[in-house]
Every structure is written in C-alpha cells, then in structure tokens.
Amino acid sequence: MIQGHPTSGAEAERDCPVPLATLGEIYRAEKEDLPDLLAALPVQTRAKLAGYLYAKSHTHALGLTVARTCEKEDLVKALGEIGAVVYGQAHLPPPKPAQAAPTAPQTRKISLGGSGAKRSFD
C-alpha cells in the first residue's frame, strides 16, 4: 500500500516561510529569547511568519507576538489587507482580567425547630 504522506520525519507546510527547525525554535523559545530570534529574520519573512502563525488556532497568539515586531506596511505588503487587521489586533491593549461577581452578604439561616437539645417525651 502506498502512503500519501511522508513517514521519515516532520516537514514544514509549503506555505511556512521559515524552515521547520527555525519554526520549532520560535515556538519553543522563552519569552525573553524570542525578540533575538525574530530580529535575525528578514523583515518580510517575519511578516509572512506572523500571518502564517496568526492563521492557525494553536499559534494565533504567537502570530500576534511576531506581528508586534513588524511595521504595519510590512505586514500589509506580505499579507495584503489582512496585514492591517493583524497589525491592529497585535497592538490592542491586553484584555483586563475578569473580576469576580460580587457575592451577596452571608445571611444567617433561621430554623423554626428550636436550637436547644432535643427533649424526650417519655
């Protein structure tokens, strides 16, 4: 039986603008190491990478991080009109953490059954 996919190792998708090894380094990079890795990429490659990562649900946030290192014009040149959208989303202020809903004050339960020891009626 002939298989329709490679079995000898992972390959980057055809539209990925960087080699698989580079993509892996970026994906696994610590937050403080990421700027240096991204700075090593040519501007247009970085912009294409931002779009590539942005388009995938599991790397969407990383795509926005990469887009923050790009100029709007570079993203538009690499991605078309969606580049302006990616740029805008990448520069939105972070969402505020959800605040817990205020709880009602605790009220003391009142029982009509009495509070003392139970009496026995013998």
PDB file of N, CA and C in Angstrom:
ATOM      1  N   MET A   1       0.841  -1.175   0.000  1.00  0.00           N
ATOM      2  CA  MET A   1       0.000   0.000   0.000  1.00  0.00           C
ATOM      3  C   MET A   1       0.890   1.244   0.000  1.00  0.00           C
ATOM      4  N   ILE A   2       0.554   2.229  -0.781  1.00  0.00           N
ATOM      5  CA  ILE A   2       1.330   3.456  -0.882  1.00  0.00           C
ATOM      6  C   ILE A   2       0.729   4.492   0.058  1.00  0.00           C
ATOM      7  N   GLN A   3       1.585   5.107   0.856  1.00  0.00           N
ATOM      8  CA  GLN A   3       1.117   6.132   1.780  1.00  0.00           C
ATOM      9  C   GLN A   3       1.194   7.493   1.104  1.00  0.00           C
ATOM     10  N   GLY A   4       0.239   8.351   1.432  1.00  0.00           N
ATOM     11  CA  GLY A   4       0.182   9.668   0.827  1.00  0.00           C
ATOM     12  C   GLY A   4       0.889  10.743   1.629  1.00  0.00           C
ATOM     13  N   HIS A   5       1.565  10.384   2.686  1.00  0.00           N
ATOM     14  CA  HIS A   5       2.266  11.382   3.497  1.00  0.00           C
ATOM     15  C   HIS A   5       3.628  10.845   3.874  1.00  0.00           C
ATOM     16  N   PRO A   6       4.577  11.718   4.150  1.00  0.00           N
ATOM     17  CA  PRO A   6       5.924  11.255   4.492  1.00  0.00           C
ATOM     18  C   PRO A   6       5.935  10.568   5.851  1.00  0.00           C
ATOM     19  N   THR A   7       6.772   9.572   5.970  1.00  0.00           N
ATOM     20  CA  THR A   7       6.891   8.862   7.241  1.00  0.00           C
ATOM     21  C   THR A   7       8.277   9.008   7.848  1.00  0.00           C
ATOM     22  N   SER A   8       9.177   9.674   7.152  1.00  0.00           N
ATOM     23  CA  SER A   8      10.553   9.750   7.636  1.00  0.00           C
ATOM     24  C   SER A   8      10.811  10.930   8.556  1.00  0.00           C
ATOM     25  N   GLY A   9       9.846  11.801   8.765  1.00  0.00           N
ATOM     26  CA  GLY A   9      10.062  12.943   9.654  1.00  0.00           C
ATOM     27  C   GLY A   9       9.098  14.058   9.313  1.00  0.00           C
ATOM     28  N   ALA A  10       8.986  14.988  10.214  1.00  0.00           N
ATOM     29  CA  ALA A  10       8.069  16.090  10.004  1.00  0.00           C
ATOM     30  C   ALA A  10       8.629  17.073   8.988  1.00  0.00           C
ATOM     31  N   GLU A  11       7.750  17.592   8.178  1.00  0.00           N
ATOM     32  CA  GLU A  11       8.120  18.607   7.207  1.00  0.00           C
ATOM     33  C   GLU A  11       7.234  19.821   7.424  1.00  0.00           C
ATOM     34  N   ALA A  12       7.797  20.983   7.221  1.00  0.00           N
ATOM     35  CA  ALA A  12       7.001  22.201   7.337  1.00  0.00           C
ATOM     36  C   ALA A  12       6.011  22.255   6.180  1.00  0.00           C
ATOM     37  N   GLU A  13       4.878  22.887   6.413  1.00  0.00           N
ATOM     38  CA  GLU A  13       3.914  23.062   5.344  1.00  0.00           C
ATOM     39  C   GLU A  13       4.528  23.936   4.268  1.00  0.00           C
ATOM     40  N   ARG A  14       4.013  23.812   3.077  1.00  0.00           N
ATOM     41  CA  ARG A  14       4.593  24.543   1.946  1.00  0.00           C
ATOM     42  C   ARG A  14       4.496  26.057   2.115  1.00  0.00           C
ATOM     43  N   ASP A  15       3.475  26.537   2.814  1.00  0.00           N
ATOM     44  CA  ASP A  15       3.319  27.977   2.957  1.00  0.00           C
ATOM     45  C   ASP A  15       4.042  28.546   4.179  1.00  0.00           C
ATOM     46  N   CYS A  16       4.739  27.721   4.925  1.00  0.00           N
ATOM     47  CA  CYS A  16       5.503  28.208   6.076  1.00  0.00           C
ATOM     48  C   CYS A  16       6.746  28.929   5.551  1.00  0.00           C
ATOM     49  N   PRO A  17       6.939  30.190   5.956  1.00  0.00           N
ATOM     50  CA  PRO A  17       8.038  30.974   5.387  1.00  0.00           C
ATOM     51  C   PRO A  17       9.423  30.686   5.974  1.00  0.00           C
ATOM     52  N   VAL A  18       9.497  29.842   6.983  1.00  0.00           N
ATOM     53  CA  VAL A  18      10.791  29.522   7.589  1.00  0.00           C
ATOM     54  C   VAL A  18      10.969  28.005   7.629  1.00  0.00           C
ATOM     55  N   PRO A  19      12.216  27.535   7.703  1.00  0.00           N
ATOM     56  CA  PRO A  19      12.449  26.092   7.835  1.00  0.00           C
ATOM     57  C   PRO A  19      11.834  25.547   9.134  1.00  0.00           C
ATOM     58  N   LEU A  20      11.534  24.291   9.142  1.00  0.00           N
ATOM     59  CA  LEU A  20      10.913  23.646  10.295  1.00  0.00           C
ATOM     60  C   LEU A  20      11.743  23.833  11.564  1.00  0.00           C
ATOM     61  N   ALA A  21      13.052  23.761  11.458  1.00  0.00           N
ATOM     62  CA  ALA A  21      13.916  23.925  12.638  1.00  0.00           C
ATOM     63  C   ALA A  21      13.754  25.326  13.221  1.00  0.00           C
ATOM     64  N   THR A  22      13.681  26.339  12.372  1.00  0.00           N
ATOM     65  CA  THR A  22      13.505  27.716  12.837  1.00  0.00           C
ATOM     66  C   THR A  22      12.137  27.885  13.475  1.00  0.00           C
ATOM     67  N   LEU A  23      11.135  27.319  12.845  1.00  0.00           N
ATOM     68  CA  LEU A  23       9.780  27.382  13.395  1.00  0.00           C
ATOM     69  C   LEU A  23       9.737  26.749  14.781  1.00  0.00           C
ATOM     70  N   GLY A  24      10.396  25.613  14.941  1.00  0.00           N
ATOM     71  CA  GLY A  24      10.454  24.945  16.240  1.00  0.00           C
ATOM     72  C   GLY A  24      11.162  25.778  17.295  1.00  0.00           C
ATOM     73  N   GLU A  25      12.246  26.429  16.910  1.00  0.00           N
ATOM     74  CA  GLU A  25      12.972  27.292  17.856  1.00  0.00           C
ATOM     75  C   GLU A  25      12.081  28.438  18.328  1.00  0.00           C
ATOM     76  N   ILE A  26      11.374  29.038  17.394  1.00  0.00           N
ATOM     77  CA  ILE A  26      10.497  30.166  17.731  1.00  0.00           C
ATOM     78  C   ILE A  26       9.352  29.692  18.610  1.00  0.00           C
ATOM     79  N   TYR A  27       8.774  28.559  18.273  1.00  0.00           N
ATOM     80  CA  TYR A  27       7.634  28.019  19.023  1.00  0.00           C
ATOM     81  C   TYR A  27       8.021  27.676  20.465  1.00  0.00           C
ATOM     82  N   ARG A  28       9.223  27.149  20.653  1.00  0.00           N
ATOM     83  CA  ARG A  28       9.666  26.720  21.978  1.00  0.00           C
ATOM     84  C   ARG A  28      10.439  27.785  22.748  1.00  0.00           C
ATOM     85  N   ALA A  29      10.689  28.932  22.142  1.00  0.00           N
ATOM     86  CA  ALA A  29      11.535  29.957  22.762  1.00  0.00           C
ATOM     87  C   ALA A  29      10.897  30.528  24.025  1.00  0.00           C
ATOM     88  N   GLU A  30      11.750  30.847  24.967  1.00  0.00           N
ATOM     89  CA  GLU A  30      11.311  31.568  26.157  1.00  0.00           C
ATOM     90  C   GLU A  30      10.935  32.982  25.736  1.00  0.00           C
ATOM     91  N   LYS A  31      10.058  33.598  26.506  1.00  0.00           N
ATOM     92  CA  LYS A  31       9.564  34.931  26.164  1.00  0.00           C
ATOM     93  C   LYS A  31      10.703  35.934  25.982  1.00  0.00           C
ATOM     94  N   GLU A  32      11.721  35.846  26.828  1.00  0.00           N
ATOM     95  CA  GLU A  32      12.826  36.808  26.748  1.00  0.00           C
ATOM     96  C   GLU A  32      13.790  36.522  25.590  1.00  0.00           C
ATOM     97  N   ASP A  33      13.792  35.302  25.049  1.00  0.00           N
ATOM     98  CA  ASP A  33      14.676  34.949  23.932  1.00  0.00           C
ATOM     99  C   ASP A  33      14.038  35.205  22.565  1.00  0.00           C
ATOM    100  N   LEU A  34      12.733  35.320  22.531  1.00  0.00           N
ATOM    101  CA  LEU A  34      12.018  35.452  21.267  1.00  0.00           C
ATOM    102  C   LEU A  34      12.418  36.689  20.462  1.00  0.00           C
ATOM    103  N   PRO A  35      12.569  37.871  21.060  1.00  0.00           N
ATOM    104  CA  PRO A  35      12.960  39.045  20.254  1.00  0.00           C
ATOM    105  C   PRO A  35      14.255  38.848  19.466  1.00  0.00           C
ATOM    106  N   ASP A  36      15.245  38.196  20.061  1.00  0.00           N
ATOM    107  CA  ASP A  36      16.509  37.974  19.353  1.00  0.00           C
ATOM    108  C   ASP A  36      16.333  37.011  18.180  1.00  0.00           C
ATOM    109  N   LEU A  37      15.532  35.972  18.379  1.00  0.00           N
ATOM    110  CA  LEU A  37      15.269  35.028  17.283  1.00  0.00           C
ATOM    111  C   LEU A  37      14.551  35.718  16.131  1.00  0.00           C
ATOM    112  N   LEU A  38      13.567  36.549  16.465  1.00  0.00           N
ATOM    113  CA  LEU A  38      12.792  37.225  15.425  1.00  0.00           C
ATOM    114  C   LEU A  38      13.615  38.300  14.718  1.00  0.00           C
ATOM    115  N   ALA A  39      14.485  38.970  15.452  1.00  0.00           N
ATOM    116  CA  ALA A  39      15.319  40.016  14.856  1.00  0.00           C
ATOM    117  C   ALA A  39      16.273  39.444  13.812  1.00  0.00           C
ATOM    118  N   ALA A  40      16.599  38.173  13.927  1.00  0.00           N
ATOM    119  CA  ALA A  40      17.506  37.534  12.977  1.00  0.00           C
ATOM    120  C   ALA A  40      16.830  37.244  11.636  1.00  0.00           C
ATOM    121  N   LEU A  41      15.507  37.313  11.594  1.00  0.00           N
ATOM    122  CA  LEU A  41      14.780  37.032  10.353  1.00  0.00           C
ATOM    123  C   LEU A  41      14.650  38.295   9.514  1.00  0.00           C
ATOM    124  N   PRO A  42      14.708  38.169   8.189  1.00  0.00           N
ATOM    125  CA  PRO A  42      14.441  39.327   7.332  1.00  0.00           C
ATOM    126  C   PRO A  42      13.020  39.853   7.585  1.00  0.00           C
ATOM    127  N   VAL A  43      12.823  41.136   7.375  1.00  0.00           N
ATOM    128  CA  VAL A  43      11.553  41.800   7.697  1.00  0.00           C
ATOM    129  C   VAL A  43      10.369  41.111   7.010  1.00  0.00           C
ATOM    130  N   GLN A  44      10.481  40.839   5.720  1.00  0.00           N
ATOM    131  CA  GLN A  44       9.354  40.234   5.000  1.00  0.00           C
ATOM    132  C   GLN A  44       9.097  38.798   5.447  1.00  0.00           C
ATOM    133  N   THR A  45      10.143  38.073   5.774  1.00  0.00           N
ATOM    134  CA  THR A  45       9.973  36.711   6.284  1.00  0.00           C
ATOM    135  C   THR A  45       9.248  36.746   7.627  1.00  0.00           C
ATOM    136  N   ARG A  46       9.629  37.691   8.472  1.00  0.00           N
ATOM    137  CA  ARG A  46       8.981  37.842   9.774  1.00  0.00           C
ATOM    138  C   ARG A  46       7.503  38.194   9.606  1.00  0.00           C
ATOM    139  N   ALA A  47       7.194  39.074   8.673  1.00  0.00           N
ATOM    140  CA  ALA A  47       5.805  39.457   8.427  1.00  0.00           C
ATOM    141  C   ALA A  47       4.999  38.264   7.902  1.00  0.00           C
ATOM    142  N   LYS A  48       5.569  37.492   6.992  1.00  0.00           N
ATOM    143  CA  LYS A  48       4.890  36.293   6.485  1.00  0.00           C
ATOM    144  C   LYS A  48       4.698  35.265   7.598  1.00  0.00           C
ATOM    145  N   LEU A  49       5.698  35.135   8.470  1.00  0.00           N
ATOM    146  CA  LEU A  49       5.597  34.213   9.593  1.00  0.00           C
ATOM    147  C   LEU A  49       4.472  34.637  10.539  1.00  0.00           C
ATOM    148  N   ALA A  50       4.352  35.942  10.772  1.00  0.00           N
ATOM    149  CA  ALA A  50       3.265  36.444  11.619  1.00  0.00           C
ATOM    150  C   ALA A  50       1.911  36.012  11.051  1.00  0.00           C
ATOM    151  N   GLY A  51       1.730  36.162   9.749  1.00  0.00           N
ATOM    152  CA  GLY A  51       0.476  35.749   9.107  1.00  0.00           C
ATOM    153  C   GLY A  51       0.263  34.248   9.155  1.00  0.00           C
ATOM    154  N   TYR A  52       1.322  33.494   8.943  1.00  0.00           N
ATOM    155  CA  TYR A  52       1.239  32.034   8.988  1.00  0.00           C
ATOM    156  C   TYR A  52       0.801  31.547  10.371  1.00  0.00           C
ATOM    157  N   LEU A  53       1.426  32.093  11.411  1.00  0.00           N
ATOM    158  CA  LEU A  53       1.094  31.688  12.780  1.00  0.00           C
ATOM    159  C   LEU A  53      -0.285  32.205  13.191  1.00  0.00           C
ATOM    160  N   TYR A  54      -0.618  33.414  12.788  1.00  0.00           N
ATOM    161  CA  TYR A  54      -1.905  34.026  13.119  1.00  0.00           C
ATOM    162  C   TYR A  54      -3.071  33.192  12.576  1.00  0.00           C
ATOM    163  N   ALA A  55      -2.879  32.593  11.417  1.00  0.00           N
ATOM    164  CA  ALA A  55      -3.951  31.849  10.749  1.00  0.00           C
ATOM    165  C   ALA A  55      -4.260  30.498  11.399  1.00  0.00           C
ATOM    166  N   LYS A  56      -3.418  30.036  12.276  1.00  0.00           N
ATOM    167  CA  LYS A  56      -3.626  28.730  12.911  1.00  0.00           C
ATOM    168  C   LYS A  56      -4.093  28.930  14.343  1.00  0.00           C
ATOM    169  N   SER A  57      -5.124  28.206  14.723  1.00  0.00           N
ATOM    170  CA  SER A  57      -5.720  28.423  16.045  1.00  0.00           C
ATOM    171  C   SER A  57      -4.736  28.174  17.185  1.00  0.00           C
ATOM    172  N   HIS A  58      -3.871  27.195  17.060  1.00  0.00           N
ATOM    173  CA  HIS A  58      -2.960  26.865  18.157  1.00  0.00           C
ATOM    174  C   HIS A  58      -1.733  27.768  18.215  1.00  0.00           C
ATOM    175  N   THR A  59      -1.494  28.584  17.188  1.00  0.00           N
ATOM    176  CA  THR A  59      -0.366  29.506  17.209  1.00  0.00           C
ATOM    177  C   THR A  59      -0.805  30.958  17.000  1.00  0.00           C
ATOM    178  N   HIS A  60      -2.087  31.208  17.124  1.00  0.00           N
ATOM    179  CA  HIS A  60      -2.654  32.539  16.884  1.00  0.00           C
ATOM    180  C   HIS A  60      -1.977  33.605  17.760  1.00  0.00           C
ATOM    181  N   ALA A  61      -1.869  33.340  19.049  1.00  0.00           N
ATOM    182  CA  ALA A  61      -1.260  34.315  19.973  1.00  0.00           C
ATOM    183  C   ALA A  61       0.211  34.549  19.629  1.00  0.00           C
ATOM    184  N   LEU A  62       0.926  33.509  19.248  1.00  0.00           N
ATOM    185  CA  LEU A  62       2.323  33.668  18.846  1.00  0.00           C
ATOM    186  C   LEU A  62       2.408  34.511  17.576  1.00  0.00           C
ATOM    187  N   GLY A  63       1.466  34.340  16.672  1.00  0.00           N
ATOM    188  CA  GLY A  63       1.421  35.161  15.465  1.00  0.00           C
ATOM    189  C   GLY A  63       1.273  36.633  15.789  1.00  0.00           C
ATOM    190  N   LEU A  64       0.448  36.949  16.779  1.00  0.00           N
ATOM    191  CA  LEU A  64       0.292  38.341  17.198  1.00  0.00           C
ATOM    192  C   LEU A  64       1.578  38.867  17.840  1.00  0.00           C
ATOM    193  N   THR A  65       2.267  38.014  18.571  1.00  0.00           N
ATOM    194  CA  THR A  65       3.550  38.406  19.167  1.00  0.00           C
ATOM    195  C   THR A  65       4.562  38.732  18.075  1.00  0.00           C
ATOM    196  N   VAL A  66       4.619  37.898  17.056  1.00  0.00           N
ATOM    197  CA  VAL A  66       5.536  38.147  15.940  1.00  0.00           C
ATOM    198  C   VAL A  66       5.114  39.424  15.205  1.00  0.00           C
ATOM    199  N   ALA A  67       3.819  39.616  15.032  1.00  0.00           N
ATOM    200  CA  ALA A  67       3.322  40.810  14.325  1.00  0.00           C
ATOM    201  C   ALA A  67       3.698  42.098  15.052  1.00  0.00           C
ATOM    202  N   ARG A  68       3.791  42.045  16.374  1.00  0.00           N
ATOM    203  CA  ARG A  68       4.182  43.241  17.137  1.00  0.00           C
ATOM    204  C   ARG A  68       5.602  43.693  16.808  1.00  0.00           C
ATOM    205  N   THR A  69       6.401  42.813  16.224  1.00  0.00           N
ATOM    206  CA  THR A  69       7.768  43.179  15.854  1.00  0.00           C
ATOM    207  C   THR A  69       7.846  43.723  14.430  1.00  0.00           C
ATOM    208  N   CYS A  70       6.702  43.829  13.762  1.00  0.00           N
ATOM    209  CA  CYS A  70       6.654  44.270  12.367  1.00  0.00           C
ATOM    210  C   CYS A  70       5.995  45.637  12.247  1.00  0.00           C
ATOM    211  N   GLU A  71       6.366  46.349  11.203  1.00  0.00           N
ATOM    212  CA  GLU A  71       5.695  47.598  10.869  1.00  0.00           C
ATOM    213  C   GLU A  71       4.412  47.254  10.105  1.00  0.00           C
ATOM    214  N   LYS A  72       3.426  48.122  10.203  1.00  0.00           N
ATOM    215  CA  LYS A  72       2.144  47.897   9.526  1.00  0.00           C
ATOM    216  C   LYS A  72       2.348  47.727   8.018  1.00  0.00           C
ATOM    217  N   GLU A  73       3.184  48.563   7.436  1.00  0.00           N
ATOM    218  CA  GLU A  73       3.419  48.498   5.988  1.00  0.00           C
ATOM    219  C   GLU A  73       4.007  47.154   5.574  1.00  0.00           C
ATOM    220  N   ASP A  74       4.894  46.607   6.405  1.00  0.00           N
ATOM    221  CA  ASP A  74       5.494  45.305   6.090  1.00  0.00           C
ATOM    222  C   ASP A  74       4.459  44.193   6.142  1.00  0.00           C
ATOM    223  N   LEU A  75       3.568  44.250   7.138  1.00  0.00           N
ATOM    224  CA  LEU A  75       2.517  43.237   7.235  1.00  0.00           C
ATOM    225  C   LEU A  75       1.559  43.340   6.052  1.00  0.00           C
ATOM    226  N   VAL A  76       1.191  44.539   5.659  1.00  0.00           N
ATOM    227  CA  VAL A  76       0.289  44.720   4.518  1.00  0.00           C
ATOM    228  C   VAL A  76       0.964  44.244   3.236  1.00  0.00           C
ATOM    229  N   LYS A  77       2.235  44.537   3.074  1.00  0.00           N
ATOM    230  CA  LYS A  77       2.970  44.098   1.880  1.00  0.00           C
ATOM    231  C   LYS A  77       3.034  42.573   1.812  1.00  0.00           C
ATOM    232  N   ALA A  78       3.261  41.932   2.951  1.00  0.00           N
ATOM    233  CA  ALA A  78       3.411  40.467   2.981  1.00  0.00           C
ATOM    234  C   ALA A  78       2.078  39.733   2.960  1.00  0.00           C
ATOM    235  N   LEU A  79       1.045  40.319   3.593  1.00  0.00           N
ATOM    236  CA  LEU A  79      -0.204  39.588   3.799  1.00  0.00           C
ATOM    237  C   LEU A  79      -1.409  40.187   3.075  1.00  0.00           C
ATOM    238  N   GLY A  80      -1.237  41.347   2.486  1.00  0.00           N
ATOM    239  CA  GLY A  80      -2.376  42.012   1.862  1.00  0.00           C
ATOM    240  C   GLY A  80      -3.174  42.766   2.920  1.00  0.00           C
ATOM    241  N   GLU A  81      -4.454  42.981   2.653  1.00  0.00           N
ATOM    242  CA  GLU A  81      -5.287  43.771   3.568  1.00  0.00           C
ATOM    243  C   GLU A  81      -5.369  43.166   4.970  1.00  0.00           C
ATOM    244  N   ILE A  82      -5.296  41.853   5.067  1.00  0.00           N
ATOM    245  CA  ILE A  82      -5.363  41.213   6.384  1.00  0.00           C
ATOM    246  C   ILE A  82      -4.179  41.636   7.252  1.00  0.00           C
ATOM    247  N   GLY A  83      -3.096  42.069   6.640  1.00  0.00           N
ATOM    248  CA  GLY A  83      -1.942  42.536   7.394  1.00  0.00           C
ATOM    249  C   GLY A  83      -2.282  43.715   8.290  1.00  0.00           C
ATOM    250  N   ALA A  84      -3.171  44.596   7.810  1.00  0.00           N
ATOM    251  CA  ALA A  84      -3.594  45.740   8.633  1.00  0.00           C
ATOM    252  C   ALA A  84      -4.414  45.269   9.820  1.00  0.00           C
ATOM    253  N   VAL A  85      -5.222  44.236   9.609  1.00  0.00           N
ATOM    254  CA  VAL A  85      -6.028  43.678  10.704  1.00  0.00           C
ATOM    255  C   VAL A  85      -5.124  43.024  11.740  1.00  0.00           C
ATOM    256  N   VAL A  86      -4.169  42.250  11.276  1.00  0.00           N
ATOM    257  CA  VAL A  86      -3.229  41.584  12.181  1.00  0.00           C
ATOM    258  C   VAL A  86      -2.459  42.635  12.980  1.00  0.00           C
ATOM    259  N   TYR A  87      -2.005  43.681  12.313  1.00  0.00           N
ATOM    260  CA  TYR A  87      -1.279  44.747  12.997  1.00  0.00           C
ATOM    261  C   TYR A  87      -2.160  45.383  14.078  1.00  0.00           C
ATOM    262  N   GLY A  88      -3.408  45.684  13.720  1.00  0.00           N
ATOM    263  CA  GLY A  88      -4.323  46.299  14.685  1.00  0.00           C
ATOM    264  C   GLY A  88      -4.567  45.415  15.891  1.00  0.00           C
ATOM    265  N   GLN A  89      -4.796  44.124  15.665  1.00  0.00           N
ATOM    266  CA  GLN A  89      -5.032  43.208  16.780  1.00  0.00           C
ATOM    267  C   GLN A  89      -3.783  43.041  17.637  1.00  0.00           C
ATOM    268  N   ALA A  90      -2.634  43.050  17.000  1.00  0.00           N
ATOM    269  CA  ALA A  90      -1.385  42.869  17.738  1.00  0.00           C
ATOM    270  C   ALA A  90      -1.105  44.054  18.666  1.00  0.00           C
ATOM    271  N   HIS A  91      -1.659  45.205  18.350  1.00  0.00           N
ATOM    272  CA  HIS A  91      -1.390  46.400  19.143  1.00  0.00           C
ATOM    273  C   HIS A  91      -2.558  46.822  20.021  1.00  0.00           C
ATOM    274  N   LEU A  92      -3.551  45.949  20.175  1.00  0.00           N
ATOM    275  CA  LEU A  92      -4.634  46.227  21.115  1.00  0.00           C
ATOM    276  C   LEU A  92      -4.103  46.092  22.538  1.00  0.00           C
ATOM    277  N   PRO A  93      -4.643  46.878  23.467  1.00  0.00           N
ATOM    278  CA  PRO A  93      -4.223  46.682  24.859  1.00  0.00           C
ATOM    279  C   PRO A  93      -4.670  45.304  25.336  1.00  0.00           C
ATOM    280  N   PRO A  94      -3.918  44.690  26.229  1.00  0.00           N
ATOM    281  CA  PRO A  94      -4.305  43.359  26.711  1.00  0.00           C
ATOM    282  C   PRO A  94      -5.647  43.424  27.430  1.00  0.00           C
ATOM    283  N   PRO A  95      -6.443  42.365  27.311  1.00  0.00           N
ATOM    284  CA  PRO A  95      -7.743  42.375  27.992  1.00  0.00           C
ATOM    285  C   PRO A  95      -7.571  42.416  29.501  1.00  0.00           C
ATOM    286  N   LYS A  96      -8.497  43.105  30.134  1.00  0.00           N
ATOM    287  CA  LYS A  96      -8.464  43.182  31.602  1.00  0.00           C
ATOM    288  C   LYS A  96      -8.934  41.847  32.159  1.00  0.00           C
ATOM    289  N   PRO A  97      -8.334  41.400  33.247  1.00  0.00           N
ATOM    290  CA  PRO A  97      -8.784  40.134  33.833  1.00  0.00           C
ATOM    291  C   PRO A  97     -10.220  40.270  34.324  1.00  0.00           C
ATOM    292  N   ALA A  98     -10.955  39.204  34.169  1.00  0.00           N
ATOM    293  CA  ALA A  98     -12.346  39.210  34.608  1.00  0.00           C
ATOM    294  C   ALA A  98     -12.403  39.319  36.124  1.00  0.00           C
ATOM    295  N   GLN A  99     -13.286  40.179  36.590  1.00  0.00           N
ATOM    296  CA  GLN A  99     -13.451  40.337  38.024  1.00  0.00           C
ATOM    297  C   GLN A  99     -14.577  39.414  38.483  1.00  0.00           C
ATOM    298  N   ALA A 100     -14.404  38.881  39.667  1.00  0.00           N
ATOM    299  CA  ALA A 100     -15.429  38.007  40.223  1.00  0.00           C
ATOM    300  C   ALA A 100     -16.678  38.827  40.509  1.00  0.00           C
ATOM    301  N   ALA A 101     -17.820  38.239  40.265  1.00  0.00           N
ATOM    302  CA  ALA A 101     -19.084  38.915  40.533  1.00  0.00           C
ATOM    303  C   ALA A 101     -19.225  39.117  42.036  1.00  0.00           C
ATOM    304  N   PRO A 102     -19.747  40.267  42.440  1.00  0.00           N
ATOM    305  CA  PRO A 102     -19.913  40.482  43.885  1.00  0.00           C
ATOM    306  C   PRO A 102     -20.894  39.458  44.449  1.00  0.00           C
ATOM    307  N   THR A 103     -20.573  38.959  45.602  1.00  0.00           N
ATOM    308  CA  THR A 103     -21.434  37.965  46.230  1.00  0.00           C
ATOM    309  C   THR A 103     -22.345  38.660  47.229  1.00  0.00           C
ATOM    310  N   ALA A 104     -23.496  38.066  47.407  1.00  0.00           N
ATOM    311  CA  ALA A 104     -24.442  38.609  48.378  1.00  0.00           C
ATOM    312  C   ALA A 104     -23.884  38.379  49.778  1.00  0.00           C
ATOM    313  N   PRO A 105     -24.169  39.286  50.697  1.00  0.00           N
ATOM    314  CA  PRO A 105     -23.672  39.082  52.063  1.00  0.00           C
ATOM    315  C   PRO A 105     -24.263  37.799  52.646  1.00  0.00           C
ATOM    316  N   GLN A 106     -23.461  37.139  53.428  1.00  0.00           N
ATOM    317  CA  GLN A 106     -23.912  35.898  54.047  1.00  0.00           C
ATOM    318  C   GLN A 106     -25.021  36.205  55.058  1.00  0.00           C
ATOM    319  N   THR A 107     -26.119  35.509  54.955  1.00  0.00           N
ATOM    320  CA  THR A 107     -27.204  35.670  55.917  1.00  0.00           C
ATOM    321  C   THR A 107     -27.261  34.428  56.788  1.00  0.00           C
ATOM    322  N   ARG A 108     -27.661  34.629  57.997  1.00  0.00           N
ATOM    323  CA  ARG A 108     -27.744  33.516  58.926  1.00  0.00           C
ATOM    324  C   ARG A 108     -29.078  32.827  58.738  1.00  0.00           C
ATOM    325  N   LYS A 109     -29.023  31.524  58.624  1.00  0.00           N
ATOM    326  CA  LYS A 109     -30.252  30.760  58.444  1.00  0.00           C
ATOM    327  C   LYS A 109     -30.969  30.646  59.779  1.00  0.00           C
ATOM    328  N   ILE A 110     -32.267  30.790  59.719  1.00  0.00           N
ATOM    329  CA  ILE A 110     -33.083  30.701  60.924  1.00  0.00           C
ATOM    330  C   ILE A 110     -33.910  29.432  60.845  1.00  0.00           C
ATOM    331  N   SER A 111     -33.880  28.694  61.908  1.00  0.00           N
ATOM    332  CA  SER A 111     -34.649  27.458  61.980  1.00  0.00           C
ATOM    333  C   SER A 111     -35.806  27.651  62.946  1.00  0.00           C
ATOM    334  N   LEU A 112     -36.960  27.152  62.574  1.00  0.00           N
ATOM    335  CA  LEU A 112     -38.122  27.235  63.448  1.00  0.00           C
ATOM    336  C   LEU A 112     -38.214  26.022  64.356  1.00  0.00           C
ATOM    337  N   GLY A 113     -37.298  25.087  64.236  1.00  0.00           N
ATOM    338  CA  GLY A 113     -37.330  23.869  65.018  1.00  0.00           C
ATOM    339  C   GLY A 113     -36.698  24.010  66.393  1.00  0.00           C
ATOM    340  N   GLY A 114     -36.192  25.127  66.726  1.00  0.00           N
ATOM    341  CA  GLY A 114     -35.533  25.316  68.018  1.00  0.00           C
ATOM    342  C   GLY A 114     -34.053  25.082  67.932  1.00  0.00           C
ATOM    343  N   SER A 115     -33.347  25.523  68.904  1.00  0.00           N
ATOM    344  CA  SER A 115     -31.903  25.390  68.869  1.00  0.00           C
ATOM    345  C   SER A 115     -31.337  24.580  70.004  1.00  0.00           C
ATOM    346  N   GLY A 116     -32.146  24.240  70.974  1.00  0.00           N
ATOM    347  CA  GLY A 116     -31.654  23.514  72.141  1.00  0.00           C
ATOM    348  C   GLY A 116     -31.562  22.030  71.885  1.00  0.00           C
ATOM    349  N   ALA A 117     -31.194  21.317  72.959  1.00  0.00           N
ATOM    350  CA  ALA A 117     -31.133  19.866  72.852  1.00  0.00           C
ATOM    351  C   ALA A 117     -32.521  19.317  72.674  1.00  0.00           C
ATOM    352  N   LYS A 118     -32.637  18.200  72.020  1.00  0.00           N
ATOM    353  CA  LYS A 118     -33.945  17.589  71.818  1.00  0.00           C
ATOM    354  C   LYS A 118     -34.469  17.001  73.119  1.00  0.00           C
ATOM    355  N   ARG A 119     -35.733  17.221  73.335  1.00  0.00           N
ATOM    356  CA  ARG A 119     -36.347  16.661  74.550  1.00  0.00           C
ATOM    357  C   ARG A 119     -36.945  15.310  74.223  1.00  0.00           C
ATOM    358  N   SER A 120     -36.903  14.476  75.186  1.00  0.00           N
ATOM    359  CA  SER A 120     -37.584  13.197  75.004  1.00  0.00           C
ATOM    360  C   SER A 120     -38.862  13.219  75.818  1.00  0.00           C
ATOM    361  N   PHE A 121     -39.930  12.758  75.255  1.00  0.00           N
ATOM    362  CA  PHE A 121     -41.237  12.744  75.925  1.00  0.00           C
ATOM    363  C   PHE A 121     -41.565  11.323  76.330  1.00  0.00           C
ATOM    364  N   ASP A 122     -41.066  10.920  77.440  1.00  0.00           N
ATOM    365  CA  ASP A 122     -41.355   9.571  77.916  1.00  0.00           C
ATOM    366  C   ASP A 122     -42.490   9.555  78.863  1.00  0.00           C
TER     367      ASP A 122
END
